[in-house]
Structure formats: structure tokens, C-alpha cells
Amino acid sequence: ARHGVVIDFGRQHVLVDGEEVSLTYKEFRLLGHLVEHAGETVHRHDLLAELWDPDQEGTPGERTIDVHVRRLRAKLGDFQDIIRTVRGIGYRFDRRTDVIVRTA
């Protein structure tokens, strides 16, 4: 089995060590946004603005982002460190050789 992560935006799925991981819509969008800005620190408030619609959902607190990141990391298993916490600011996606990103 191939070891690594495949993030496939065309098919909207994520494989970890060849197994499909079931992400919620928000988790996938969160991962996608971080991947788009790979190597950059993304502020929590930018993630909130990007992922939540205040008209429909109200405005969640920054802790909400942390909860979603925690769940996403849990699903990434051994690869959870591709999402780095930048203290007091937000999160950053770190590219690794064993992470393949396929765009649509």
C-alpha cells in the first residue's frame, strides 16, 4: 500500500494510506483553504470568514475553528502534523513529499 495522503479536489476526497477518509463539508473546505495557502499562516478570522456564512449560521467563535482543526487532524492520523498551529494567529499547511494534492 502506498503511504501518504492524497487530497483530491476534483473528486472532493482525501485518502490516508490508501483509505478514503470521510470529511465533513466544512473539514474539506478548511483543509482546502489551508492547502491553497500552503506555507502561509492563515489567520483564524480569515478561516471563519471563508467557511462560515454569518447570515445563515451566525458567527462562530474562534474556538469553533480549533474544534474543526482538531477533528480534521484526528482523521489525518499519522499525518496530522501537516496542519501546524501558529500560536496566537492561526494555522499553516506544510507541504510534505508524502502529501499529494490533485486540483480539479
PDB file of N, CA and C in Angstrom:
ATOM      1  N   ALA A   1       0.854  -1.193   0.000  1.00  0.00           N
ATOM      2  CA  ALA A   1       0.000   0.000   0.000  1.00  0.00           C
ATOM      3  C   ALA A   1       0.886   1.238   0.000  1.00  0.00           C
ATOM      4  N   ARG A   2       0.415   2.248  -0.708  1.00  0.00           N
ATOM      5  CA  ARG A   2       1.185   3.489  -0.742  1.00  0.00           C
ATOM      6  C   ARG A   2       0.918   4.263   0.526  1.00  0.00           C
ATOM      7  N   HIS A   3       1.981   4.761   1.123  1.00  0.00           N
ATOM      8  CA  HIS A   3       1.823   5.505   2.356  1.00  0.00           C
ATOM      9  C   HIS A   3       1.864   6.977   2.055  1.00  0.00           C
ATOM     10  N   GLY A   4       0.883   7.667   2.567  1.00  0.00           N
ATOM     11  CA  GLY A   4       0.836   9.096   2.344  1.00  0.00           C
ATOM     12  C   GLY A   4      -0.594   9.569   2.303  1.00  0.00           C
ATOM     13  N   VAL A   5      -0.729  10.832   1.939  1.00  0.00           N
ATOM     14  CA  VAL A   5      -2.038  11.455   1.867  1.00  0.00           C
ATOM     15  C   VAL A   5      -2.256  11.937   0.441  1.00  0.00           C
ATOM     16  N   VAL A   6      -3.456  11.695  -0.077  1.00  0.00           N
ATOM     17  CA  VAL A   6      -3.851  12.266  -1.361  1.00  0.00           C
ATOM     18  C   VAL A   6      -5.053  13.161  -1.090  1.00  0.00           C
ATOM     19  N   ILE A   7      -4.904  14.443  -1.407  1.00  0.00           N
ATOM     20  CA  ILE A   7      -6.008  15.399  -1.271  1.00  0.00           C
ATOM     21  C   ILE A   7      -6.453  15.697  -2.691  1.00  0.00           C
ATOM     22  N   ASP A   8      -7.635  15.223  -3.039  1.00  0.00           N
ATOM     23  CA  ASP A   8      -8.121  15.303  -4.411  1.00  0.00           C
ATOM     24  C   ASP A   8      -9.305  16.267  -4.485  1.00  0.00           C
ATOM     25  N   PHE A   9      -9.046  17.456  -5.016  1.00  0.00           N
ATOM     26  CA  PHE A   9     -10.104  18.476  -5.072  1.00  0.00           C
ATOM     27  C   PHE A   9     -11.121  18.198  -6.163  1.00  0.00           C
ATOM     28  N   GLY A  10     -10.690  17.508  -7.221  1.00  0.00           N
ATOM     29  CA  GLY A  10     -11.625  17.154  -8.291  1.00  0.00           C
ATOM     30  C   GLY A  10     -12.705  16.210  -7.787  1.00  0.00           C
ATOM     31  N   ARG A  11     -12.278  15.194  -7.068  1.00  0.00           N
ATOM     32  CA  ARG A  11     -13.216  14.185  -6.559  1.00  0.00           C
ATOM     33  C   ARG A  11     -13.735  14.527  -5.174  1.00  0.00           C
ATOM     34  N   GLN A  12     -13.181  15.584  -4.599  1.00  0.00           N
ATOM     35  CA  GLN A  12     -13.573  16.004  -3.250  1.00  0.00           C
ATOM     36  C   GLN A  12     -13.403  14.874  -2.244  1.00  0.00           C
ATOM     37  N   HIS A  13     -12.224  14.267  -2.276  1.00  0.00           N
ATOM     38  CA  HIS A  13     -11.967  13.280  -1.232  1.00  0.00           C
ATOM     39  C   HIS A  13     -10.504  13.283  -0.814  1.00  0.00           C
ATOM     40  N   VAL A  14     -10.284  12.643   0.328  1.00  0.00           N
ATOM     41  CA  VAL A  14      -8.952  12.564   0.906  1.00  0.00           C
ATOM     42  C   VAL A  14      -8.663  11.098   1.212  1.00  0.00           C
ATOM     43  N   LEU A  15      -7.500  10.647   0.773  1.00  0.00           N
ATOM     44  CA  LEU A  15      -7.062   9.285   1.086  1.00  0.00           C
ATOM     45  C   LEU A  15      -5.885   9.368   2.046  1.00  0.00           C
ATOM     46  N   VAL A  16      -5.924   8.555   3.090  1.00  0.00           N
ATOM     47  CA  VAL A  16      -4.799   8.447   4.009  1.00  0.00           C
ATOM     48  C   VAL A  16      -4.336   6.993   3.946  1.00  0.00           C
ATOM     49  N   ASP A  17      -3.092   6.803   3.509  1.00  0.00           N
ATOM     50  CA  ASP A  17      -2.553   5.454   3.301  1.00  0.00           C
ATOM     51  C   ASP A  17      -3.507   4.581   2.479  1.00  0.00           C
ATOM     52  N   GLY A  18      -4.067   5.186   1.431  1.00  0.00           N
ATOM     53  CA  GLY A  18      -4.915   4.434   0.516  1.00  0.00           C
ATOM     54  C   GLY A  18      -6.362   4.273   0.943  1.00  0.00           C
ATOM     55  N   GLU A  19      -6.688   4.669   2.171  1.00  0.00           N
ATOM     56  CA  GLU A  19      -8.067   4.546   2.662  1.00  0.00           C
ATOM     57  C   GLU A  19      -8.762   5.890   2.582  1.00  0.00           C
ATOM     58  N   GLU A  20      -9.995   5.892   2.047  1.00  0.00           N
ATOM     59  CA  GLU A  20     -10.727   7.147   1.996  1.00  0.00           C
ATOM     60  C   GLU A  20     -11.161   7.570   3.406  1.00  0.00           C
ATOM     61  N   VAL A  21     -10.950   8.834   3.695  1.00  0.00           N
ATOM     62  CA  VAL A  21     -11.304   9.391   4.999  1.00  0.00           C
ATOM     63  C   VAL A  21     -12.546  10.234   4.797  1.00  0.00           C
ATOM     64  N   SER A  22     -13.538  10.048   5.656  1.00  0.00           N
ATOM     65  CA  SER A  22     -14.758  10.810   5.436  1.00  0.00           C
ATOM     66  C   SER A  22     -14.690  12.137   6.183  1.00  0.00           C
ATOM     67  N   LEU A  23     -14.554  13.208   5.412  1.00  0.00           N
ATOM     68  CA  LEU A  23     -14.509  14.556   5.968  1.00  0.00           C
ATOM     69  C   LEU A  23     -15.867  15.215   5.789  1.00  0.00           C
ATOM     70  N   THR A  24     -16.235  16.054   6.728  1.00  0.00           N
ATOM     71  CA  THR A  24     -17.447  16.851   6.540  1.00  0.00           C
ATOM     72  C   THR A  24     -17.136  17.922   5.489  1.00  0.00           C
ATOM     73  N   TYR A  25     -18.204  18.533   4.971  1.00  0.00           N
ATOM     74  CA  TYR A  25     -18.053  19.613   4.004  1.00  0.00           C
ATOM     75  C   TYR A  25     -17.118  20.698   4.556  1.00  0.00           C
ATOM     76  N   LYS A  26     -17.340  21.082   5.796  1.00  0.00           N
ATOM     77  CA  LYS A  26     -16.528  22.142   6.416  1.00  0.00           C
ATOM     78  C   LYS A  26     -15.066  21.716   6.594  1.00  0.00           C
ATOM     79  N   GLU A  27     -14.859  20.484   7.010  1.00  0.00           N
ATOM     80  CA  GLU A  27     -13.493  19.990   7.183  1.00  0.00           C
ATOM     81  C   GLU A  27     -12.744  19.997   5.851  1.00  0.00           C
ATOM     82  N   PHE A  28     -13.444  19.597   4.792  1.00  0.00           N
ATOM     83  CA  PHE A  28     -12.813  19.578   3.469  1.00  0.00           C
ATOM     84  C   PHE A  28     -12.489  21.002   3.010  1.00  0.00           C
ATOM     85  N   ARG A  29     -13.439  21.924   3.239  1.00  0.00           N
ATOM     86  CA  ARG A  29     -13.207  23.334   2.866  1.00  0.00           C
ATOM     87  C   ARG A  29     -12.047  23.923   3.667  1.00  0.00           C
ATOM     88  N   LEU A  30     -11.990  23.583   4.943  1.00  0.00           N
ATOM     89  CA  LEU A  30     -10.926  24.068   5.817  1.00  0.00           C
ATOM     90  C   LEU A  30      -9.566  23.583   5.306  1.00  0.00           C
ATOM     91  N   LEU A  31      -9.479  22.286   5.041  1.00  0.00           N
ATOM     92  CA  LEU A  31      -8.247  21.715   4.514  1.00  0.00           C
ATOM     93  C   LEU A  31      -7.897  22.368   3.180  1.00  0.00           C
ATOM     94  N   GLY A  32      -8.902  22.520   2.338  1.00  0.00           N
ATOM     95  CA  GLY A  32      -8.698  23.119   1.016  1.00  0.00           C
ATOM     96  C   GLY A  32      -8.145  24.527   1.099  1.00  0.00           C
ATOM     97  N   HIS A  33      -8.695  25.310   2.003  1.00  0.00           N
ATOM     98  CA  HIS A  33      -8.252  26.697   2.149  1.00  0.00           C
ATOM     99  C   HIS A  33      -6.801  26.751   2.633  1.00  0.00           C
ATOM    100  N   LEU A  34      -6.463  25.887   3.573  1.00  0.00           N
ATOM    101  CA  LEU A  34      -5.084  25.850   4.064  1.00  0.00           C
ATOM    102  C   LEU A  34      -4.118  25.382   2.969  1.00  0.00           C
ATOM    103  N   VAL A  35      -4.555  24.391   2.190  1.00  0.00           N
ATOM    104  CA  VAL A  35      -3.711  23.873   1.107  1.00  0.00           C
ATOM    105  C   VAL A  35      -3.479  24.955   0.046  1.00  0.00           C
ATOM    106  N   GLU A  36      -4.535  25.712  -0.270  1.00  0.00           N
ATOM    107  CA  GLU A  36      -4.402  26.798  -1.259  1.00  0.00           C
ATOM    108  C   GLU A  36      -3.356  27.810  -0.831  1.00  0.00           C
ATOM    109  N   HIS A  37      -3.217  27.986   0.472  1.00  0.00           N
ATOM    110  CA  HIS A  37      -2.271  28.954   1.015  1.00  0.00           C
ATOM    111  C   HIS A  37      -1.076  28.253   1.655  1.00  0.00           C
ATOM    112  N   ALA A  38      -0.687  27.130   1.063  1.00  0.00           N
ATOM    113  CA  ALA A  38       0.388  26.297   1.627  1.00  0.00           C
ATOM    114  C   ALA A  38       1.608  27.127   1.998  1.00  0.00           C
ATOM    115  N   GLY A  39       2.119  26.879   3.198  1.00  0.00           N
ATOM    116  CA  GLY A  39       3.314  27.570   3.647  1.00  0.00           C
ATOM    117  C   GLY A  39       3.045  28.930   4.277  1.00  0.00           C
ATOM    118  N   GLU A  40       1.810  29.431   4.122  1.00  0.00           N
ATOM    119  CA  GLU A  40       1.451  30.714   4.725  1.00  0.00           C
ATOM    120  C   GLU A  40       0.636  30.463   5.978  1.00  0.00           C
ATOM    121  N   THR A  41       0.780  31.328   6.958  1.00  0.00           N
ATOM    122  CA  THR A  41      -0.060  31.246   8.141  1.00  0.00           C
ATOM    123  C   THR A  41      -1.404  31.886   7.815  1.00  0.00           C
ATOM    124  N   VAL A  42      -2.480  31.128   8.020  1.00  0.00           N
ATOM    125  CA  VAL A  42      -3.833  31.646   7.768  1.00  0.00           C
ATOM    126  C   VAL A  42      -4.445  32.003   9.120  1.00  0.00           C
ATOM    127  N   HIS A  43      -4.864  33.253   9.241  1.00  0.00           N
ATOM    128  CA  HIS A  43      -5.466  33.718  10.493  1.00  0.00           C
ATOM    129  C   HIS A  43      -6.802  33.029  10.753  1.00  0.00           C
ATOM    130  N   ARG A  44      -7.077  32.801  12.029  1.00  0.00           N
ATOM    131  CA  ARG A  44      -8.359  32.190  12.390  1.00  0.00           C
ATOM    132  C   ARG A  44      -9.524  32.989  11.825  1.00  0.00           C
ATOM    133  N   HIS A  45      -9.453  34.328  11.926  1.00  0.00           N
ATOM    134  CA  HIS A  45     -10.608  35.118  11.454  1.00  0.00           C
ATOM    135  C   HIS A  45     -10.790  35.011   9.942  1.00  0.00           C
ATOM    136  N   ASP A  46      -9.699  34.770   9.203  1.00  0.00           N
ATOM    137  CA  ASP A  46      -9.831  34.552   7.755  1.00  0.00           C
ATOM    138  C   ASP A  46     -10.522  33.222   7.477  1.00  0.00           C
ATOM    139  N   LEU A  47     -10.193  32.212   8.282  1.00  0.00           N
ATOM    140  CA  LEU A  47     -10.861  30.914   8.119  1.00  0.00           C
ATOM    141  C   LEU A  47     -12.343  31.037   8.429  1.00  0.00           C
ATOM    142  N   LEU A  48     -12.671  31.777   9.492  1.00  0.00           N
ATOM    143  CA  LEU A  48     -14.086  31.979   9.834  1.00  0.00           C
ATOM    144  C   LEU A  48     -14.814  32.676   8.692  1.00  0.00           C
ATOM    145  N   ALA A  49     -14.179  33.722   8.157  1.00  0.00           N
ATOM    146  CA  ALA A  49     -14.814  34.495   7.078  1.00  0.00           C
ATOM    147  C   ALA A  49     -15.003  33.632   5.833  1.00  0.00           C
ATOM    148  N   GLU A  50     -14.046  32.744   5.597  1.00  0.00           N
ATOM    149  CA  GLU A  50     -14.067  31.900   4.403  1.00  0.00           C
ATOM    150  C   GLU A  50     -15.100  30.776   4.512  1.00  0.00           C
ATOM    151  N   LEU A  51     -15.254  30.210   5.706  1.00  0.00           N
ATOM    152  CA  LEU A  51     -16.006  28.965   5.850  1.00  0.00           C
ATOM    153  C   LEU A  51     -17.402  29.110   6.435  1.00  0.00           C
ATOM    154  N   TRP A  52     -17.661  30.220   7.118  1.00  0.00           N
ATOM    155  CA  TRP A  52     -18.975  30.369   7.745  1.00  0.00           C
ATOM    156  C   TRP A  52     -19.743  31.517   7.134  1.00  0.00           C
ATOM    157  N   ASP A  53     -21.010  31.298   6.915  1.00  0.00           N
ATOM    158  CA  ASP A  53     -21.889  32.333   6.384  1.00  0.00           C
ATOM    159  C   ASP A  53     -22.667  32.928   7.556  1.00  0.00           C
ATOM    160  N   PRO A  54     -22.295  34.149   7.979  1.00  0.00           N
ATOM    161  CA  PRO A  54     -22.937  34.723   9.169  1.00  0.00           C
ATOM    162  C   PRO A  54     -24.448  34.885   9.010  1.00  0.00           C
ATOM    163  N   ASP A  55     -24.917  35.095   7.765  1.00  0.00           N
ATOM    164  CA  ASP A  55     -26.361  35.254   7.544  1.00  0.00           C
ATOM    165  C   ASP A  55     -27.111  33.967   7.852  1.00  0.00           C
ATOM    166  N   GLN A  56     -26.506  32.835   7.501  1.00  0.00           N
ATOM    167  CA  GLN A  56     -27.193  31.560   7.681  1.00  0.00           C
ATOM    168  C   GLN A  56     -26.844  30.880   8.998  1.00  0.00           C
ATOM    169  N   GLU A  57     -25.608  31.060   9.441  1.00  0.00           N
ATOM    170  CA  GLU A  57     -25.133  30.258  10.564  1.00  0.00           C
ATOM    171  C   GLU A  57     -24.784  31.060  11.804  1.00  0.00           C
ATOM    172  N   GLY A  58     -24.869  32.391  11.694  1.00  0.00           N
ATOM    173  CA  GLY A  58     -24.361  33.197  12.803  1.00  0.00           C
ATOM    174  C   GLY A  58     -22.846  33.188  12.749  1.00  0.00           C
ATOM    175  N   THR A  59     -22.210  33.922  13.618  1.00  0.00           N
ATOM    176  CA  THR A  59     -20.753  33.975  13.607  1.00  0.00           C
ATOM    177  C   THR A  59     -20.215  33.149  14.754  1.00  0.00           C
ATOM    178  N   PRO A  60     -19.539  32.052  14.433  1.00  0.00           N
ATOM    179  CA  PRO A  60     -18.993  31.217  15.497  1.00  0.00           C
ATOM    180  C   PRO A  60     -17.755  31.872  16.095  1.00  0.00           C
ATOM    181  N   GLY A  61     -17.367  31.440  17.272  1.00  0.00           N
ATOM    182  CA  GLY A  61     -16.138  31.945  17.877  1.00  0.00           C
ATOM    183  C   GLY A  61     -14.927  31.257  17.283  1.00  0.00           C
ATOM    184  N   GLU A  62     -13.762  31.805  17.599  1.00  0.00           N
ATOM    185  CA  GLU A  62     -12.526  31.224  17.069  1.00  0.00           C
ATOM    186  C   GLU A  62     -12.308  29.799  17.562  1.00  0.00           C
ATOM    187  N   ARG A  63     -12.860  29.478  18.727  1.00  0.00           N
ATOM    188  CA  ARG A  63     -12.744  28.109  19.245  1.00  0.00           C
ATOM    189  C   ARG A  63     -13.361  27.109  18.268  1.00  0.00           C
ATOM    190  N   THR A  64     -14.391  27.536  17.566  1.00  0.00           N
ATOM    191  CA  THR A  64     -15.047  26.655  16.587  1.00  0.00           C
ATOM    192  C   THR A  64     -14.034  26.173  15.549  1.00  0.00           C
ATOM    193  N   ILE A  65     -13.178  27.080  15.104  1.00  0.00           N
ATOM    194  CA  ILE A  65     -12.129  26.717  14.146  1.00  0.00           C
ATOM    195  C   ILE A  65     -11.214  25.667  14.767  1.00  0.00           C
ATOM    196  N   ASP A  66     -10.847  25.887  16.029  1.00  0.00           N
ATOM    197  CA  ASP A  66      -9.947  24.942  16.697  1.00  0.00           C
ATOM    198  C   ASP A  66     -10.560  23.547  16.773  1.00  0.00           C
ATOM    199  N   VAL A  67     -11.853  23.502  17.039  1.00  0.00           N
ATOM    200  CA  VAL A  67     -12.549  22.208  17.122  1.00  0.00           C
ATOM    201  C   VAL A  67     -12.514  21.513  15.764  1.00  0.00           C
ATOM    202  N   HIS A  68     -12.807  22.262  14.690  1.00  0.00           N
ATOM    203  CA  HIS A  68     -12.787  21.670  13.349  1.00  0.00           C
ATOM    204  C   HIS A  68     -11.382  21.200  12.978  1.00  0.00           C
ATOM    205  N   VAL A  69     -10.380  21.986  13.336  1.00  0.00           N
ATOM    206  CA  VAL A  69      -8.992  21.590  13.048  1.00  0.00           C
ATOM    207  C   VAL A  69      -8.649  20.319  13.814  1.00  0.00           C
ATOM    208  N   ARG A  70      -9.091  20.244  15.068  1.00  0.00           N
ATOM    209  CA  ARG A  70      -8.800  19.065  15.880  1.00  0.00           C
ATOM    210  C   ARG A  70      -9.427  17.814  15.256  1.00  0.00           C
ATOM    211  N   ARG A  71     -10.662  17.937  14.798  1.00  0.00           N
ATOM    212  CA  ARG A  71     -11.337  16.787  14.160  1.00  0.00           C
ATOM    213  C   ARG A  71     -10.654  16.395  12.865  1.00  0.00           C
ATOM    214  N   LEU A  72     -10.279  17.410  12.089  1.00  0.00           N
ATOM    215  CA  LEU A  72      -9.597  17.164  10.818  1.00  0.00           C
ATOM    216  C   LEU A  72      -8.273  16.452  11.070  1.00  0.00           C
ATOM    217  N   ARG A  73      -7.520  16.925  12.049  1.00  0.00           N
ATOM    218  CA  ARG A  73      -6.243  16.296  12.380  1.00  0.00           C
ATOM    219  C   ARG A  73      -6.436  14.846  12.813  1.00  0.00           C
ATOM    220  N   ALA A  74      -7.468  14.609  13.607  1.00  0.00           N
ATOM    221  CA  ALA A  74      -7.725  13.241  14.073  1.00  0.00           C
ATOM    222  C   ALA A  74      -7.930  12.315  12.873  1.00  0.00           C
ATOM    223  N   LYS A  75      -8.621  12.812  11.854  1.00  0.00           N
ATOM    224  CA  LYS A  75      -8.895  11.989  10.667  1.00  0.00           C
ATOM    225  C   LYS A  75      -7.645  11.795   9.810  1.00  0.00           C
ATOM    226  N   LEU A  76      -6.698  12.708   9.912  1.00  0.00           N
ATOM    227  CA  LEU A  76      -5.450  12.589   9.146  1.00  0.00           C
ATOM    228  C   LEU A  76      -4.463  11.629   9.821  1.00  0.00           C
ATOM    229  N   GLY A  77      -4.759  11.249  11.061  1.00  0.00           N
ATOM    230  CA  GLY A  77      -3.945  10.246  11.738  1.00  0.00           C
ATOM    231  C   GLY A  77      -2.478  10.630  11.825  1.00  0.00           C
ATOM    232  N   ASP A  78      -1.625   9.753  11.281  1.00  0.00           N
ATOM    233  CA  ASP A  78      -0.174   9.961  11.366  1.00  0.00           C
ATOM    234  C   ASP A  78       0.293  11.210  10.628  1.00  0.00           C
ATOM    235  N   PHE A  79      -0.588  11.786   9.823  1.00  0.00           N
ATOM    236  CA  PHE A  79      -0.199  12.938   9.010  1.00  0.00           C
ATOM    237  C   PHE A  79      -0.739  14.254   9.558  1.00  0.00           C
ATOM    238  N   GLN A  80      -1.236  14.209  10.803  1.00  0.00           N
ATOM    239  CA  GLN A  80      -1.893  15.410  11.324  1.00  0.00           C
ATOM    240  C   GLN A  80      -0.975  16.613  11.423  1.00  0.00           C
ATOM    241  N   ASP A  81       0.344  16.356  11.457  1.00  0.00           N
ATOM    242  CA  ASP A  81       1.259  17.494  11.585  1.00  0.00           C
ATOM    243  C   ASP A  81       1.403  18.314  10.306  1.00  0.00           C
ATOM    244  N   ILE A  82       0.710  17.926   9.231  1.00  0.00           N
ATOM    245  CA  ILE A  82       0.723  18.798   8.040  1.00  0.00           C
ATOM    246  C   ILE A  82      -0.058  20.081   8.319  1.00  0.00           C
ATOM    247  N   ILE A  83      -0.904  20.055   9.349  1.00  0.00           N
ATOM    248  CA  ILE A  83      -1.597  21.276   9.757  1.00  0.00           C
ATOM    249  C   ILE A  83      -0.948  21.762  11.039  1.00  0.00           C
ATOM    250  N   ARG A  84      -0.167  22.812  10.905  1.00  0.00           N
ATOM    251  CA  ARG A  84       0.567  23.367  12.042  1.00  0.00           C
ATOM    252  C   ARG A  84      -0.240  24.461  12.723  1.00  0.00           C
ATOM    253  N   THR A  85      -0.135  24.482  14.047  1.00  0.00           N
ATOM    254  CA  THR A  85      -0.722  25.580  14.802  1.00  0.00           C
ATOM    255  C   THR A  85       0.319  26.688  14.893  1.00  0.00           C
ATOM    256  N   VAL A  86      -0.085  27.905  14.540  1.00  0.00           N
ATOM    257  CA  VAL A  86       0.790  29.060  14.715  1.00  0.00           C
ATOM    258  C   VAL A  86       0.199  29.840  15.880  1.00  0.00           C
ATOM    259  N   ARG A  87       0.872  29.751  17.013  1.00  0.00           N
ATOM    260  CA  ARG A  87       0.316  30.274  18.271  1.00  0.00           C
ATOM    261  C   ARG A  87      -0.193  31.695  18.181  1.00  0.00           C
ATOM    262  N   GLY A  88      -1.432  31.876  18.641  1.00  0.00           N
ATOM    263  CA  GLY A  88      -2.000  33.208  18.715  1.00  0.00           C
ATOM    264  C   GLY A  88      -2.449  33.766  17.376  1.00  0.00           C
ATOM    265  N   ILE A  89      -2.219  33.017  16.288  1.00  0.00           N
ATOM    266  CA  ILE A  89      -2.571  33.547  14.971  1.00  0.00           C
ATOM    267  C   ILE A  89      -3.556  32.633  14.249  1.00  0.00           C
ATOM    268  N   GLY A  90      -3.108  31.422  13.961  1.00  0.00           N
ATOM    269  CA  GLY A  90      -3.986  30.530  13.195  1.00  0.00           C
ATOM    270  C   GLY A  90      -3.271  29.245  12.839  1.00  0.00           C
ATOM    271  N   TYR A  91      -3.359  28.864  11.568  1.00  0.00           N
ATOM    272  CA  TYR A  91      -2.850  27.571  11.133  1.00  0.00           C
ATOM    273  C   TYR A  91      -2.109  27.684   9.810  1.00  0.00           C
ATOM    274  N   ARG A  92      -1.261  26.684   9.562  1.00  0.00           N
ATOM    275  CA  ARG A  92      -0.496  26.657   8.326  1.00  0.00           C
ATOM    276  C   ARG A  92      -0.422  25.218   7.820  1.00  0.00           C
ATOM    277  N   PHE A  93      -0.600  25.048   6.523  1.00  0.00           N
ATOM    278  CA  PHE A  93      -0.423  23.740   5.881  1.00  0.00           C
ATOM    279  C   PHE A  93       1.023  23.639   5.416  1.00  0.00           C
ATOM    280  N   ASP A  94       1.706  22.590   5.873  1.00  0.00           N
ATOM    281  CA  ASP A  94       3.086  22.365   5.460  1.00  0.00           C
ATOM    282  C   ASP A  94       3.133  21.262   4.429  1.00  0.00           C
ATOM    283  N   ARG A  95       3.647  21.583   3.258  1.00  0.00           N
ATOM    284  CA  ARG A  95       3.787  20.561   2.219  1.00  0.00           C
ATOM    285  C   ARG A  95       4.809  19.524   2.631  1.00  0.00           C
ATOM    286  N   ARG A  96       4.501  18.287   2.324  1.00  0.00           N
ATOM    287  CA  ARG A  96       5.446  17.197   2.549  1.00  0.00           C
ATOM    288  C   ARG A  96       5.499  16.354   1.295  1.00  0.00           C
ATOM    289  N   THR A  97       6.590  15.618   1.133  1.00  0.00           N
ATOM    290  CA  THR A  97       6.729  14.813  -0.071  1.00  0.00           C
ATOM    291  C   THR A  97       5.702  13.687  -0.126  1.00  0.00           C
ATOM    292  N   ASP A  98       5.197  13.266   1.047  1.00  0.00           N
ATOM    293  CA  ASP A  98       4.218  12.166   1.048  1.00  0.00           C
ATOM    294  C   ASP A  98       2.780  12.677   1.027  1.00  0.00           C
ATOM    295  N   VAL A  99       2.605  13.947   0.685  1.00  0.00           N
ATOM    296  CA  VAL A  99       1.261  14.515   0.538  1.00  0.00           C
ATOM    297  C   VAL A  99       1.091  14.972  -0.908  1.00  0.00           C
ATOM    298  N   ILE A 100       0.131  14.366  -1.586  1.00  0.00           N
ATOM    299  CA  ILE A 100      -0.130  14.689  -2.986  1.00  0.00           C
ATOM    300  C   ILE A 100      -1.416  15.490  -3.057  1.00  0.00           C
ATOM    301  N   VAL A 101      -1.350  16.629  -3.745  1.00  0.00           N
ATOM    302  CA  VAL A 101      -2.538  17.454  -3.918  1.00  0.00           C
ATOM    303  C   VAL A 101      -2.928  17.394  -5.382  1.00  0.00           C
ATOM    304  N   ARG A 102      -4.150  16.969  -5.656  1.00  0.00           N
ATOM    305  CA  ARG A 102      -4.673  16.961  -7.028  1.00  0.00           C
ATOM    306  C   ARG A 102      -5.727  18.035  -7.144  1.00  0.00           C
ATOM    307  N   THR A 103      -5.520  18.965  -8.045  1.00  0.00           N
ATOM    308  CA  THR A 103      -6.504  20.036  -8.211  1.00  0.00           C
ATOM    309  C   THR A 103      -7.548  19.588  -9.219  1.00  0.00           C
ATOM    310  N   ALA A 104      -8.687  20.250  -9.180  1.00  0.00           N
ATOM    311  CA  ALA A 104      -9.805  19.885 -10.069  1.00  0.00           C
ATOM    312  C   ALA A 104      -9.404  20.098 -11.520  1.00  0.00           C
TER     313      ALA A 104
END
